[in-house]
Amino acid sequence: MPKKMALVDYNLCRPAHCDRGICPAVLVCPQNLLKQEAPYEPPMPDPSICKGCGDCVHACPLKAIGLR
């Protein structure tokens, strides 16, 4: 079975709805694999090294991140 990885649905992601434009999913990634270039910018995962823990999925208030 292939390893799961975090993917962002950019149709649902709205960083302006997050506190000060900072994605809470970025803050909880234990591997620091989810990056946000600047506040109010959407986060960018690195699926090639994502461990699939799901912490970012639970932290996203807009349900814009999922494991696939």
Protein backbone atom coordinates (compact mmCIF):
# COMPACT_ATOMS: atom_id res chain seq x y z
CA MET A 1 0.00 0.00 0.00
CA PRO A 2 1.45 3.43 -0.94
CA LYS A 3 2.39 5.84 1.81
CA LYS A 4 -0.11 8.62 2.50
CA MET A 5 0.96 12.24 2.17
CA ALA A 6 -0.55 15.65 2.93
CA LEU A 7 -2.04 17.54 0.02
CA VAL A 8 -3.58 21.02 0.07
CA ASP A 9 -6.87 21.67 -1.72
CA TYR A 10 -6.23 25.22 -2.93
CA ASN A 11 -9.93 25.66 -3.73
CA LEU A 12 -10.64 25.43 0.01
CA CYS A 13 -7.48 27.06 1.41
CA ARG A 14 -8.10 30.67 2.49
CA PRO A 15 -5.14 31.91 4.59
CA ALA A 16 -6.97 35.22 5.18
CA HIS A 17 -9.36 33.26 7.43
CA CYS A 18 -6.47 32.09 9.65
CA ASP A 19 -5.16 34.11 12.59
CA ARG A 20 -2.91 36.87 11.15
CA GLY A 21 -2.78 34.91 7.87
CA ILE A 22 -0.61 32.23 9.45
CA CYS A 23 -1.65 28.70 8.57
CA PRO A 24 -2.02 26.70 11.82
CA ALA A 25 -1.19 23.50 9.92
CA VAL A 26 2.27 24.91 9.15
CA LEU A 27 2.85 25.50 12.85
CA VAL A 28 2.07 21.92 13.88
CA CYS A 29 4.01 19.97 11.23
CA PRO A 30 6.54 18.01 13.33
CA GLN A 31 8.92 17.69 10.36
CA ASN A 32 8.54 21.33 9.19
CA LEU A 33 7.60 20.03 5.75
CA LEU A 34 4.64 22.34 5.25
CA LYS A 35 5.95 25.81 4.36
CA GLN A 36 4.27 29.19 4.04
CA GLU A 37 6.29 31.80 2.13
CA ALA A 38 4.60 34.73 3.90
CA PRO A 39 1.45 35.43 5.91
CA TYR A 40 -1.71 35.24 3.80
CA GLU A 41 0.05 32.97 1.27
CA PRO A 42 -1.21 29.37 0.94
CA PRO A 43 0.98 26.65 2.48
CA MET A 44 3.07 24.40 0.26
CA PRO A 45 3.68 20.80 1.33
CA ASP A 46 6.69 18.77 0.31
CA PRO A 47 4.97 15.47 -0.55
CA SER A 48 8.23 13.74 -1.40
CA ILE A 49 9.24 13.65 2.28
CA CYS A 50 5.88 13.95 4.06
CA LYS A 51 5.54 11.28 6.77
CA GLY A 52 1.73 11.24 6.57
CA CYS A 53 1.23 11.82 10.31
CA GLY A 54 -1.95 13.86 9.75
CA ASP A 55 -1.20 16.60 12.30
CA CYS A 56 -1.66 19.26 9.62
CA VAL A 57 -4.98 17.73 8.57
CA HIS A 58 -6.36 18.11 12.10
CA ALA A 59 -4.95 21.64 12.50
CA CYS A 60 -6.46 23.12 9.34
CA PRO A 61 -9.67 24.96 10.35
CA LEU A 62 -10.94 25.01 6.76
CA LYS A 63 -10.45 21.27 6.07
CA ALA A 64 -8.25 22.23 3.11
CA ILE A 65 -5.58 19.61 3.85
CA GLY A 66 -6.08 15.91 3.45
CA LEU A 67 -4.04 12.73 3.39
CA ARG A 68 -4.05 10.92 0.08
